[in-house]
C-alpha atoms as a PDB file:
ATOM      1  CA  MET A   1     156.966 118.513  31.372  1.00  0.00           C
ATOM      2  CA  THR A   2     155.732 116.518  34.395  1.00  0.00           C
ATOM      3  CA  GLY A   3     157.858 115.913  37.496  1.00  0.00           C
ATOM      4  CA  MET A   4     157.573 114.079  40.858  1.00  0.00           C
ATOM      5  CA  ARG A   5     156.286 115.764  43.347  1.00  0.00           C
ATOM      6  CA  VAL A   6     157.390 114.708  46.821  1.00  0.00           C
ATOM      7  CA  GLY A   7     155.637 116.067  50.483  1.00  0.00           C
ATOM      8  CA  VAL A   8     157.501 116.020  53.387  1.00  0.00           C
ATOM      9  CA  GLY A   9     155.103 116.112  56.728  1.00  0.00           C
ATOM     10  CA  SER A  10     157.342 118.557  58.401  1.00  0.00           C
ATOM     11  CA  GLY A  11     158.074 122.059  58.256  1.00  0.00           C
ATOM     12  CA  ASN A  12     162.085 121.007  59.821  1.00  0.00           C
ATOM     13  CA  PRO A  13     164.761 122.014  57.342  1.00  0.00           C
ATOM     14  CA  VAL A  14     166.761 118.783  58.439  1.00  0.00           C
ATOM     15  CA  LYS A  15     164.160 116.503  57.344  1.00  0.00           C
ATOM     16  CA  ARG A  16     163.248 118.480  54.108  1.00  0.00           C
ATOM     17  CA  ARG A  17     167.563 118.387  53.687  1.00  0.00           C
ATOM     18  CA  ALA A  18     167.304 114.549  54.379  1.00  0.00           C
ATOM     19  CA  VAL A  19     164.369 113.744  51.891  1.00  0.00           C
ATOM     20  CA  GLU A  20     166.182 116.161  49.293  1.00  0.00           C
ATOM     21  CA  ARG A  21     169.609 113.822  49.518  1.00  0.00           C
ATOM     22  CA  VAL A  22     168.249 110.583  48.721  1.00  0.00           C
ATOM     23  CA  LEU A  23     165.702 112.045  45.913  1.00  0.00           C
ATOM     24  CA  GLU A  24     167.897 114.169  44.362  1.00  0.00           C
ATOM     25  CA  SER A  25     170.577 111.586  43.856  1.00  0.00           C
ATOM     26  CA  SER A  26     171.074 109.756  40.431  1.00  0.00           C
ATOM     27  CA  ARG A  27     168.588 107.273  42.092  1.00  0.00           C
ATOM     28  CA  GLY A  28     166.154 109.573  43.017  1.00  0.00           C
ATOM     29  CA  ARG A  29     165.988 111.071  39.640  1.00  0.00           C
ATOM     30  CA  ASP A  30     165.901 107.275  38.170  1.00  0.00           C
ATOM     31  CA  LEU A  31     162.807 106.807  40.519  1.00  0.00           C
ATOM     32  CA  ALA A  32     161.034 110.260  39.427  1.00  0.00           C
ATOM     33  CA  GLY A  33     161.525 108.878  35.733  1.00  0.00           C
ATOM     34  CA  GLU A  34     159.492 105.382  36.637  1.00  0.00           C
ATOM     35  CA  THR A  35     156.859 106.981  39.068  1.00  0.00           C
ATOM     36  CA  ALA A  36     155.995 110.315  36.948  1.00  0.00           C
ATOM     37  CA  GLY A  37     158.065 109.643  33.277  1.00  0.00           C
ATOM     38  CA  ASP A  38     160.663 112.571  33.794  1.00  0.00           C
ATOM     39  CA  ARG A  39     164.079 111.721  35.229  1.00  0.00           C
ATOM     40  CA  ALA A  40     165.040 115.120  35.645  1.00  0.00           C
ATOM     41  CA  THR A  41     162.193 116.923  38.035  1.00  0.00           C
ATOM     42  CA  VAL A  42     161.815 116.209  41.505  1.00  0.00           C
ATOM     43  CA  ALA A  43     159.713 118.824  43.342  1.00  0.00           C
ATOM     44  CA  ILE A  44     160.455 118.091  47.016  1.00  0.00           C
ATOM     45  CA  GLU A  45     158.228 120.393  49.366  1.00  0.00           C
ATOM     46  CA  SER A  46     157.641 120.888  52.941  1.00  0.00           C
ATOM     47  CA  VAL A  47     154.541 120.347  54.526  1.00  0.00           C
ATOM     48  CA  PRO A  48     154.310 120.721  58.212  1.00  0.00           C
ATOM     49  CA  VAL A  49     151.540 118.697  59.509  1.00  0.00           C
ATOM     50  CA  PRO A  50     150.898 117.308  62.947  1.00  0.00           C
ATOM     51  CA  SER A  51     152.812 113.902  64.131  1.00  0.00           C
ATOM     52  CA  GLY A  52     149.534 112.842  66.176  1.00  0.00           C
ATOM     53  CA  VAL A  53     151.915 110.921  68.114  1.00  0.00           C
ATOM     54  CA  SER A  54     153.392 112.992  71.912  1.00  0.00           C
ATOM     55  CA  GLU A  55     155.698 115.246  71.428  1.00  0.00           C
ATOM     56  CA  GLN A  56     158.295 112.752  72.922  1.00  0.00           C
ATOM     57  CA  PRO A  57     157.579 109.831  71.200  1.00  0.00           C
ATOM     58  CA  THR A  58     158.879 106.886  73.070  1.00  0.00           C
ATOM     59  CA  GLY A  59     159.698 103.521  72.163  1.00  0.00           C
ATOM     60  CA  HIS A  60     159.465 102.156  68.430  1.00  0.00           C
ATOM     61  CA  ALA A  61     155.917 101.485  67.741  1.00  0.00           C
ATOM     62  CA  GLU A  62     154.658 105.400  68.511  1.00  0.00           C
ATOM     63  CA  THR A  63     158.086 106.409  66.755  1.00  0.00           C
ATOM     64  CA  VAL A  64     157.258 104.416  63.932  1.00  0.00           C
ATOM     65  CA  ALA A  65     153.250 105.581  63.807  1.00  0.00           C
ATOM     66  CA  GLY A  66     154.380 109.149  63.811  1.00  0.00           C
ATOM     67  CA  ALA A  67     156.672 108.929  60.870  1.00  0.00           C
ATOM     68  CA  GLU A  68     153.011 107.038  59.115  1.00  0.00           C
ATOM     69  CA  ASN A  69     151.089 109.583  60.338  1.00  0.00           C
ATOM     70  CA  ARG A  70     152.931 112.540  58.977  1.00  0.00           C
ATOM     71  CA  ALA A  71     153.049 110.598  55.270  1.00  0.00           C
ATOM     72  CA  GLU A  72     149.841 110.035  55.298  1.00  0.00           C
ATOM     73  CA  ALA A  73     149.128 113.842  56.588  1.00  0.00           C
ATOM     74  CA  ALA A  74     151.351 115.007  53.865  1.00  0.00           C
ATOM     75  CA  LEU A  75     149.616 113.226  51.043  1.00  0.00           C
ATOM     76  CA  ASP A  76     146.264 114.284  52.527  1.00  0.00           C
ATOM     77  CA  ALA A  77     147.048 118.229  53.316  1.00  0.00           C
ATOM     78  CA  GLU A  78     146.357 118.728  49.752  1.00  0.00           C
ATOM     79  CA  PRO A  79     144.927 115.482  47.737  1.00  0.00           C
ATOM     80  CA  GLY A  80     146.192 114.399  44.381  1.00  0.00           C
ATOM     81  CA  ALA A  81     149.478 117.048  44.411  1.00  0.00           C
ATOM     82  CA  TYR A  82     152.054 115.013  46.281  1.00  0.00           C
ATOM     83  CA  ASP A  83     153.271 111.239  44.421  1.00  0.00           C
ATOM     84  CA  LEU A  84     154.727 110.374  47.770  1.00  0.00           C
ATOM     85  CA  GLY A  85     154.475 111.540  51.425  1.00  0.00           C
ATOM     86  CA  VAL A  86     157.148 110.890  53.643  1.00  0.00           C
ATOM     87  CA  GLY A  87     157.193 110.944  57.321  1.00  0.00           C
ATOM     88  CA  ILE A  88     160.578 110.983  59.896  1.00  0.00           C
ATOM     89  CA  GLU A  89     160.333 110.943  63.493  1.00  0.00           C
ATOM     90  CA  GLY A  90     162.862 111.209  66.296  1.00  0.00           C
ATOM     91  CA  GLY A  91     161.726 109.430  69.341  1.00  0.00           C
ATOM     92  CA  VAL A  92     163.858 107.577  72.258  1.00  0.00           C
ATOM     93  CA  ALA A  93     163.502 103.646  72.809  1.00  0.00           C
ATOM     94  CA  ARG A  94     165.034 100.586  74.702  1.00  0.00           C
ATOM     95  CA  PHE A  95     166.344  97.593  72.379  1.00  0.00           C
ATOM     96  CA  ASP A  96     166.588  93.745  73.733  1.00  0.00           C
ATOM     97  CA  GLY A  97     170.149  92.698  74.777  1.00  0.00           C
ATOM     98  CA  ALA A  98     171.261  96.551  75.431  1.00  0.00           C
ATOM     99  CA  ASP A  99     170.768  98.756  78.755  1.00  0.00           C
ATOM    100  CA  GLY A 100     169.866 102.230  78.370  1.00  0.00           C
ATOM    101  CA  LEU A 101     168.036 104.473  76.160  1.00  0.00           C
ATOM    102  CA  PHE A 102     168.537 105.526  72.921  1.00  0.00           C
ATOM    103  CA  LEU A 103     167.634 107.552  70.216  1.00  0.00           C
ATOM    104  CA  VAL A 104     165.730 106.016  67.191  1.00  0.00           C
ATOM    105  CA  MET A 105     164.622 107.768  64.003  1.00  0.00           C
ATOM    106  CA  TRP A 106     162.176 105.905  61.739  1.00  0.00           C
ATOM    107  CA  ALA A 107     160.562 107.301  58.317  1.00  0.00           C
ATOM    108  CA  ALA A 108     157.755 106.247  56.723  1.00  0.00           C
ATOM    109  CA  VAL A 109     157.037 106.246  52.465  1.00  0.00           C
ATOM    110  CA  SER A 110     153.250 106.017  51.104  1.00  0.00           C
ATOM    111  CA  ASP A 111     152.095 106.486  47.951  1.00  0.00           C
ATOM    112  CA  GLY A 112     148.745 106.312  48.877  1.00  0.00           C
ATOM    113  CA  SER A 113     148.304 102.736  49.109  1.00  0.00           C
ATOM    114  CA  ARG A 114     151.972 101.252  49.410  1.00  0.00           C
ATOM    115  CA  LEU A 115     153.609 101.987  52.754  1.00  0.00           C
ATOM    116  CA  GLY A 116     157.527 101.693  52.902  1.00  0.00           C
ATOM    117  CA  ARG A 117     159.710 101.824  56.761  1.00  0.00           C
ATOM    118  CA  GLY A 118     162.881 102.530  57.242  1.00  0.00           C
ATOM    119  CA  ALA A 119     165.139 103.100  60.360  1.00  0.00           C
ATOM    120  CA  GLY A 120     168.131 105.212  60.887  1.00  0.00           C
ATOM    121  CA  PRO A 121     171.149 104.730  63.291  1.00  0.00           C
ATOM    122  CA  SER A 122     170.467 104.675  67.201  1.00  0.00           C
ATOM    123  CA  VAL A 123     172.469 106.251  69.543  1.00  0.00           C
ATOM    124  CA  ALA A 124     172.528 105.273  73.180  1.00  0.00           C
ATOM    125  CA  LEU A 125     171.931 108.738  75.731  1.00  0.00           C
ATOM    126  CA  PRO A 126     173.792 109.748  77.990  1.00  0.00           C
ATOM    127  CA  THR A 127     172.895 108.616  81.557  1.00  0.00           C
ATOM    128  CA  ASP A 128     171.956 112.326  82.579  1.00  0.00           C
ATOM    129  CA  VAL A 129     170.423 113.083  79.554  1.00  0.00           C
ATOM    130  CA  ALA A 130     168.335 109.593  79.977  1.00  0.00           C
ATOM    131  CA  ALA A 131     166.819 110.233  83.399  1.00  0.00           C
ATOM    132  CA  ARG A 132     165.273 113.758  82.444  1.00  0.00           C
ATOM    133  CA  ILE A 133     163.454 111.810  79.452  1.00  0.00           C
ATOM    134  CA  GLU A 134     162.188 109.531  81.582  1.00  0.00           C
ATOM    135  CA  GLU A 135     161.698 112.095  84.044  1.00  0.00           C
ATOM    136  CA  GLY A 136     158.921 113.702  81.295  1.00  0.00           C
ATOM    137  CA  GLU A 137     161.183 116.017  79.415  1.00  0.00           C
ATOM    138  CA  GLU A 138     161.573 115.860  75.551  1.00  0.00           C
ATOM    139  CA  LEU A 139     165.036 115.621  74.309  1.00  0.00           C
ATOM    140  CA  GLY A 140     165.368 118.641  71.924  1.00  0.00           C
ATOM    141  CA  PRO A 141     164.886 121.394  74.990  1.00  0.00           C
ATOM    142  CA  VAL A 142     166.659 119.001  77.477  1.00  0.00           C
ATOM    143  CA  MET A 143     169.763 118.784  74.556  1.00  0.00           C
ATOM    144  CA  ASP A 144     168.867 123.007  74.306  1.00  0.00           C
ATOM    145  CA  ASP A 145     169.884 123.125  77.563  1.00  0.00           C
ATOM    146  CA  VAL A 146     173.025 120.852  77.887  1.00  0.00           C
ATOM    147  CA  LEU A 147     174.276 122.815  75.122  1.00  0.00           C
ATOM    148  CA  ASP A 148     173.516 126.031  75.892  1.00  0.00           C
ATOM    149  CA  THR A 149     172.045 126.658  72.431  1.00  0.00           C
ATOM    150  CA  THR A 150     168.251 126.753  70.960  1.00  0.00           C
ATOM    151  CA  GLY A 151     166.889 124.858  67.826  1.00  0.00           C
ATOM    152  CA  ILE A 152     168.972 121.935  68.257  1.00  0.00           C
ATOM    153  CA  ALA A 153     166.830 119.929  66.080  1.00  0.00           C
ATOM    154  CA  ARG A 154     166.584 122.083  63.016  1.00  0.00           C
ATOM    155  CA  ARG A 155     170.471 121.878  62.729  1.00  0.00           C
ATOM    156  CA  GLY A 156     172.726 119.067  64.157  1.00  0.00           C
ATOM    157  CA  GLY A 157     170.436 117.641  66.498  1.00  0.00           C
ATOM    158  CA  ALA A 158     171.306 115.015  69.068  1.00  0.00           C
ATOM    159  CA  ALA A 159     172.689 112.854  67.327  1.00  0.00           C
ATOM    160  CA  GLY A 160     175.197 115.049  66.454  1.00  0.00           C
ATOM    161  CA  ALA A 161     176.001 116.276  69.709  1.00  0.00           C
ATOM    162  CA  PHE A 162     176.386 112.726  71.343  1.00  0.00           C
ATOM    163  CA  THR A 163     179.291 111.749  68.562  1.00  0.00           C
ATOM    164  CA  ALA A 164     180.950 114.950  67.958  1.00  0.00           C
ATOM    165  CA  GLY A 165     179.637 115.464  64.867  1.00  0.00           C
ATOM    166  CA  ARG A 166     180.591 112.196  63.162  1.00  0.00           C
ATOM    167  CA  VAL A 167     176.731 111.388  62.896  1.00  0.00           C
ATOM    168  CA  ASP A 168     175.196 114.014  60.598  1.00  0.00           C
ATOM    169  CA  ARG A 169     171.163 114.223  61.585  1.00  0.00           C
ATOM    170  CA  ALA A 170     170.175 114.951  57.570  1.00  0.00           C
ATOM    171  CA  ASP A 171     172.540 111.807  56.931  1.00  0.00           C
ATOM    172  CA  ALA A 172     171.167 109.786  59.695  1.00  0.00           C
ATOM    173  CA  LEU A 173     167.776 110.872  58.634  1.00  0.00           C
ATOM    174  CA  ALA A 174     168.492 110.293  54.821  1.00  0.00           C
ATOM    175  CA  ALA A 175     169.441 106.500  55.863  1.00  0.00           C
ATOM    176  CA  ALA A 176     166.032 105.781  57.408  1.00  0.00           C
ATOM    177  CA  VAL A 177     164.139 107.541  54.375  1.00  0.00           C
ATOM    178  CA  ALA A 178     166.501 105.211  52.234  1.00  0.00           C
ATOM    179  CA  GLY A 179     165.224 102.486  53.680  1.00  0.00           C
ATOM    180  CA  ALA A 180     161.734 103.582  53.369  1.00  0.00           C
ATOM    181  CA  LEU A 181     161.781 103.672  49.784  1.00  0.00           C
ATOM    182  CA  GLY A 182     162.442 100.481  49.300  1.00  0.00           C
ATOM    183  CA  PRO A 183     159.133  98.559  47.987  1.00  0.00           C
ATOM    184  CA  PHE A 184     158.870 101.895  45.955  1.00  0.00           C
ATOM    185  CA  VAL A 185     162.462 100.872  44.139  1.00  0.00           C
ATOM    186  CA  SER A 186     163.068  97.181  44.489  1.00  0.00           C
ATOM    187  CA  ASP A 187     161.068  94.772  42.624  1.00  0.00           C
ATOM    188  CA  LEU A 188     162.034  92.359  45.808  1.00  0.00           C
ATOM    189  CA  TYR A 189     158.941  93.605  47.491  1.00  0.00           C
END
């Protein structure tokens, strides 16, 4: 019995959970069946790899590059082992026509020859948090300080804190992953 193996380019459990939410749905099993010949098995594995970008990606281009680097590095970590590599990267960026700095989320999915990209929701950063980021601090540690906690990036994330839990980090990242799967699930590409 063969199945699909997916390498998630991160050791962060929230990022793995985001991929699980997308690929373990009925649509994910359909994807596994189409790709690997087995409608029942999708093995999703964490593959801790570097992003190849700064610890605090700034701008869409750097955040997208981090996601793409992670997807490709997951595939390269164990050549031939994974059907798909998934990279997810969070960063901060600006949007034309909107004031302020935003938390952004990007995902990339690769099979070694095709690459899909998708974005999750964006959330405006509070002014005081944005000022600290613009001074060179990283969002995760800033949020840990603001919330007097540790490891927020491995739990609800900044998006959850900024929306009082209305945006679940794993669900937000799952939206980016689902979008990045477009070339692998739609005949329109």
